[in-house]
């Protein structure tokens, strides 16, 4: 199952957690969302 989870902090930061999507497909799925959210401060690949 593919899921996207967003945690929005009081200071405006947004943490995006993606599960069930492997490799470069993850970046393709999240690119449009990240473009709308603003500057990406950091990324960590988990698989």
PDB file of N, CA and C in Angstrom:
ATOM      1  N   UNK A   1       0.839  -1.177   0.000  1.00  0.00           N
ATOM      2  CA  UNK A   1       0.000   0.000   0.000  1.00  0.00           C
ATOM      3  C   UNK A   1       0.888   1.246   0.000  1.00  0.00           C
ATOM      4  N   UNK A   2       0.589   2.176  -0.879  1.00  0.00           N
ATOM      5  CA  UNK A   2       1.331   3.428  -0.970  1.00  0.00           C
ATOM      6  C   UNK A   2       0.635   4.491  -0.130  1.00  0.00           C
ATOM      7  N   UNK A   3       1.403   5.170   0.725  1.00  0.00           N
ATOM      8  CA  UNK A   3       0.814   6.228   1.545  1.00  0.00           C
ATOM      9  C   UNK A   3       1.734   7.445   1.594  1.00  0.00           C
ATOM     10  N   UNK A   4       1.116   8.603   1.676  1.00  0.00           N
ATOM     11  CA  UNK A   4       1.811   9.867   1.916  1.00  0.00           C
ATOM     12  C   UNK A   4       1.229  10.439   3.195  1.00  0.00           C
ATOM     13  N   UNK A   5       2.089  10.769   4.139  1.00  0.00           N
ATOM     14  CA  UNK A   5       1.641  11.337   5.412  1.00  0.00           C
ATOM     15  C   UNK A   5       2.344  12.677   5.600  1.00  0.00           C
ATOM     16  N   UNK A   6       1.597  13.673   6.039  1.00  0.00           N
ATOM     17  CA  UNK A   6       2.157  15.003   6.253  1.00  0.00           C
ATOM     18  C   UNK A   6       1.954  15.402   7.702  1.00  0.00           C
ATOM     19  N   UNK A   7       3.027  15.882   8.320  1.00  0.00           N
ATOM     20  CA  UNK A   7       2.975  16.414   9.672  1.00  0.00           C
ATOM     21  C   UNK A   7       3.246  17.908   9.544  1.00  0.00           C
ATOM     22  N   UNK A   8       2.298  18.726   9.996  1.00  0.00           N
ATOM     23  CA  UNK A   8       2.441  20.180   9.922  1.00  0.00           C
ATOM     24  C   UNK A   8       2.722  20.704  11.327  1.00  0.00           C
ATOM     25  N   UNK A   9       3.876  21.330  11.495  1.00  0.00           N
ATOM     26  CA  UNK A   9       4.301  21.824  12.791  1.00  0.00           C
ATOM     27  C   UNK A   9       3.800  23.251  13.016  1.00  0.00           C
ATOM     28  N   UNK A  10       3.686  23.670  14.270  1.00  0.00           N
ATOM     29  CA  UNK A  10       3.204  25.025  14.577  1.00  0.00           C
ATOM     30  C   UNK A  10       4.025  26.137  13.922  1.00  0.00           C
ATOM     31  N   UNK A  11       5.314  25.889  13.675  1.00  0.00           N
ATOM     32  CA  UNK A  11       6.157  26.923  13.057  1.00  0.00           C
ATOM     33  C   UNK A  11       6.051  26.944  11.530  1.00  0.00           C
ATOM     34  N   UNK A  12       5.194  26.092  10.963  1.00  0.00           N
ATOM     35  CA  UNK A  12       4.961  26.088   9.521  1.00  0.00           C
ATOM     36  C   UNK A  12       5.726  25.026   8.750  1.00  0.00           C
ATOM     37  N   UNK A  13       6.660  24.373   9.400  1.00  0.00           N
ATOM     38  CA  UNK A  13       7.387  23.292   8.718  1.00  0.00           C
ATOM     39  C   UNK A  13       6.436  22.145   8.412  1.00  0.00           C
ATOM     40  N   UNK A  14       6.712  21.449   7.322  1.00  0.00           N
ATOM     41  CA  UNK A  14       5.913  20.289   6.942  1.00  0.00           C
ATOM     42  C   UNK A  14       6.854  19.108   6.764  1.00  0.00           C
ATOM     43  N   UNK A  15       6.549  18.014   7.445  1.00  0.00           N
ATOM     44  CA  UNK A  15       7.322  16.787   7.281  1.00  0.00           C
ATOM     45  C   UNK A  15       6.492  15.839   6.434  1.00  0.00           C
ATOM     46  N   UNK A  16       7.101  15.299   5.400  1.00  0.00           N
ATOM     47  CA  UNK A  16       6.419  14.400   4.477  1.00  0.00           C
ATOM     48  C   UNK A  16       6.999  13.001   4.661  1.00  0.00           C
ATOM     49  N   UNK A  17       6.151  12.037   4.922  1.00  0.00           N
ATOM     50  CA  UNK A  17       6.578  10.655   5.096  1.00  0.00           C
ATOM     51  C   UNK A  17       5.915   9.815   4.012  1.00  0.00           C
ATOM     52  N   UNK A  18       6.723   9.094   3.246  1.00  0.00           N
ATOM     53  CA  UNK A  18       6.217   8.298   2.133  1.00  0.00           C
ATOM     54  C   UNK A  18       6.538   6.836   2.412  1.00  0.00           C
ATOM     55  N   UNK A  19       5.555   5.968   2.278  1.00  0.00           N
ATOM     56  CA  UNK A  19       5.791   4.537   2.429  1.00  0.00           C
ATOM     57  C   UNK A  19       5.187   3.795   1.246  1.00  0.00           C
ATOM     58  N   UNK A  20       5.811   2.684   0.898  1.00  0.00           N
ATOM     59  CA  UNK A  20       5.292   1.835  -0.164  1.00  0.00           C
ATOM     60  C   UNK A  20       5.705   2.229  -1.567  1.00  0.00           C
ATOM     61  N   UNK A  21       6.580   3.217  -1.704  1.00  0.00           N
ATOM     62  CA  UNK A  21       7.062   3.646  -3.016  1.00  0.00           C
ATOM     63  C   UNK A  21       8.585   3.541  -2.985  1.00  0.00           C
ATOM     64  N   UNK A  22       9.154   2.824  -3.949  1.00  0.00           N
ATOM     65  CA  UNK A  22      10.582   2.518  -3.923  1.00  0.00           C
ATOM     66  C   UNK A  22      11.350   3.331  -4.963  1.00  0.00           C
ATOM     67  N   UNK A  23      12.545   3.770  -4.579  1.00  0.00           N
ATOM     68  CA  UNK A  23      13.483   4.393  -5.506  1.00  0.00           C
ATOM     69  C   UNK A  23      13.059   5.734  -6.050  1.00  0.00           C
ATOM     70  N   UNK A  24      13.423   5.971  -7.316  1.00  0.00           N
ATOM     71  CA  UNK A  24      13.171   7.273  -7.934  1.00  0.00           C
ATOM     72  C   UNK A  24      11.687   7.548  -8.125  1.00  0.00           C
ATOM     73  N   UNK A  25      10.855   6.532  -8.088  1.00  0.00           N
ATOM     74  CA  UNK A  25       9.406   6.730  -8.194  1.00  0.00           C
ATOM     75  C   UNK A  25       8.897   7.609  -7.070  1.00  0.00           C
ATOM     76  N   UNK A  26       9.516   7.530  -5.920  1.00  0.00           N
ATOM     77  CA  UNK A  26       9.113   8.346  -4.773  1.00  0.00           C
ATOM     78  C   UNK A  26       9.279   9.826  -5.097  1.00  0.00           C
ATOM     79  N   UNK A  27      10.416  10.190  -5.668  1.00  0.00           N
ATOM     80  CA  UNK A  27      10.667  11.590  -6.022  1.00  0.00           C
ATOM     81  C   UNK A  27       9.680  12.072  -7.076  1.00  0.00           C
ATOM     82  N   UNK A  28       9.337  11.213  -8.015  1.00  0.00           N
ATOM     83  CA  UNK A  28       8.379  11.578  -9.060  1.00  0.00           C
ATOM     84  C   UNK A  28       6.996  11.844  -8.467  1.00  0.00           C
ATOM     85  N   UNK A  29       6.593  11.020  -7.516  1.00  0.00           N
ATOM     86  CA  UNK A  29       5.272  11.153  -6.896  1.00  0.00           C
ATOM     87  C   UNK A  29       5.184  12.423  -6.057  1.00  0.00           C
ATOM     88  N   UNK A  30       6.244  12.763  -5.364  1.00  0.00           N
ATOM     89  CA  UNK A  30       6.198  13.881  -4.420  1.00  0.00           C
ATOM     90  C   UNK A  30       6.620  15.230  -5.010  1.00  0.00           C
ATOM     91  N   UNK A  31       7.178  15.257  -6.201  1.00  0.00           N
ATOM     92  CA  UNK A  31       7.721  16.495  -6.781  1.00  0.00           C
ATOM     93  C   UNK A  31       6.686  17.607  -6.874  1.00  0.00           C
ATOM     94  N   UNK A  32       5.506  17.320  -7.366  1.00  0.00           N
ATOM     95  CA  UNK A  32       4.474  18.358  -7.527  1.00  0.00           C
ATOM     96  C   UNK A  32       4.017  18.898  -6.175  1.00  0.00           C
ATOM     97  N   UNK A  33       3.894  18.019  -5.199  1.00  0.00           N
ATOM     98  CA  UNK A  33       3.470  18.441  -3.860  1.00  0.00           C
ATOM     99  C   UNK A  33       4.542  19.335  -3.241  1.00  0.00           C
ATOM    100  N   UNK A  34       5.793  18.922  -3.349  1.00  0.00           N
ATOM    101  CA  UNK A  34       6.891  19.703  -2.780  1.00  0.00           C
ATOM    102  C   UNK A  34       7.005  21.070  -3.446  1.00  0.00           C
ATOM    103  N   UNK A  35       6.740  21.136  -4.737  1.00  0.00           N
ATOM    104  CA  UNK A  35       6.788  22.420  -5.448  1.00  0.00           C
ATOM    105  C   UNK A  35       5.746  23.387  -4.902  1.00  0.00           C
ATOM    106  N   UNK A  36       4.588  22.877  -4.516  1.00  0.00           N
ATOM    107  CA  UNK A  36       3.529  23.717  -3.970  1.00  0.00           C
ATOM    108  C   UNK A  36       3.799  24.109  -2.516  1.00  0.00           C
ATOM    109  N   UNK A  37       4.475  23.248  -1.772  1.00  0.00           N
ATOM    110  CA  UNK A  37       4.744  23.521  -0.358  1.00  0.00           C
ATOM    111  C   UNK A  37       5.851  24.546  -0.158  1.00  0.00           C
ATOM    112  N   UNK A  38       6.793  24.612  -1.079  1.00  0.00           N
ATOM    113  CA  UNK A  38       7.890  25.570  -0.947  1.00  0.00           C
ATOM    114  C   UNK A  38       9.236  24.892  -0.893  1.00  0.00           C
ATOM    115  N   UNK A  39      10.199  25.565  -0.282  1.00  0.00           N
ATOM    116  CA  UNK A  39      11.580  25.102  -0.261  1.00  0.00           C
ATOM    117  C   UNK A  39      11.730  23.807   0.528  1.00  0.00           C
ATOM    118  N   UNK A  40      12.403  22.835  -0.070  1.00  0.00           N
ATOM    119  CA  UNK A  40      12.718  21.582   0.614  1.00  0.00           C
ATOM    120  C   UNK A  40      14.010  21.802   1.393  1.00  0.00           C
ATOM    121  N   UNK A  41      13.939  21.630   2.695  1.00  0.00           N
ATOM    122  CA  UNK A  41      15.100  21.872   3.557  1.00  0.00           C
ATOM    123  C   UNK A  41      16.029  20.659   3.594  1.00  0.00           C
ATOM    124  N   UNK A  42      15.461  19.460   3.583  1.00  0.00           N
ATOM    125  CA  UNK A  42      16.281  18.248   3.584  1.00  0.00           C
ATOM    126  C   UNK A  42      15.441  17.072   3.111  1.00  0.00           C
ATOM    127  N   UNK A  43      16.139  16.048   2.643  1.00  0.00           N
ATOM    128  CA  UNK A  43      15.489  14.814   2.220  1.00  0.00           C
ATOM    129  C   UNK A  43      16.309  13.644   2.727  1.00  0.00           C
ATOM    130  N   UNK A  44      15.618  12.572   3.085  1.00  0.00           N
ATOM    131  CA  UNK A  44      16.290  11.360   3.532  1.00  0.00           C
ATOM    132  C   UNK A  44      15.584  10.179   2.888  1.00  0.00           C
ATOM    133  N   UNK A  45      16.316   9.426   2.073  1.00  0.00           N
ATOM    134  CA  UNK A  45      15.732   8.241   1.457  1.00  0.00           C
ATOM    135  C   UNK A  45      15.817   7.096   2.441  1.00  0.00           C
ATOM    136  N   UNK A  46      14.725   6.351   2.561  1.00  0.00           N
ATOM    137  CA  UNK A  46      14.682   5.266   3.537  1.00  0.00           C
ATOM    138  C   UNK A  46      14.752   3.890   2.897  1.00  0.00           C
ATOM    139  N   UNK A  47      14.679   3.830   1.572  1.00  0.00           N
ATOM    140  CA  UNK A  47      14.811   2.516   0.925  1.00  0.00           C
ATOM    141  C   UNK A  47      15.513   2.641  -0.398  1.00  0.00           C
TER     142      UNK A  47
END
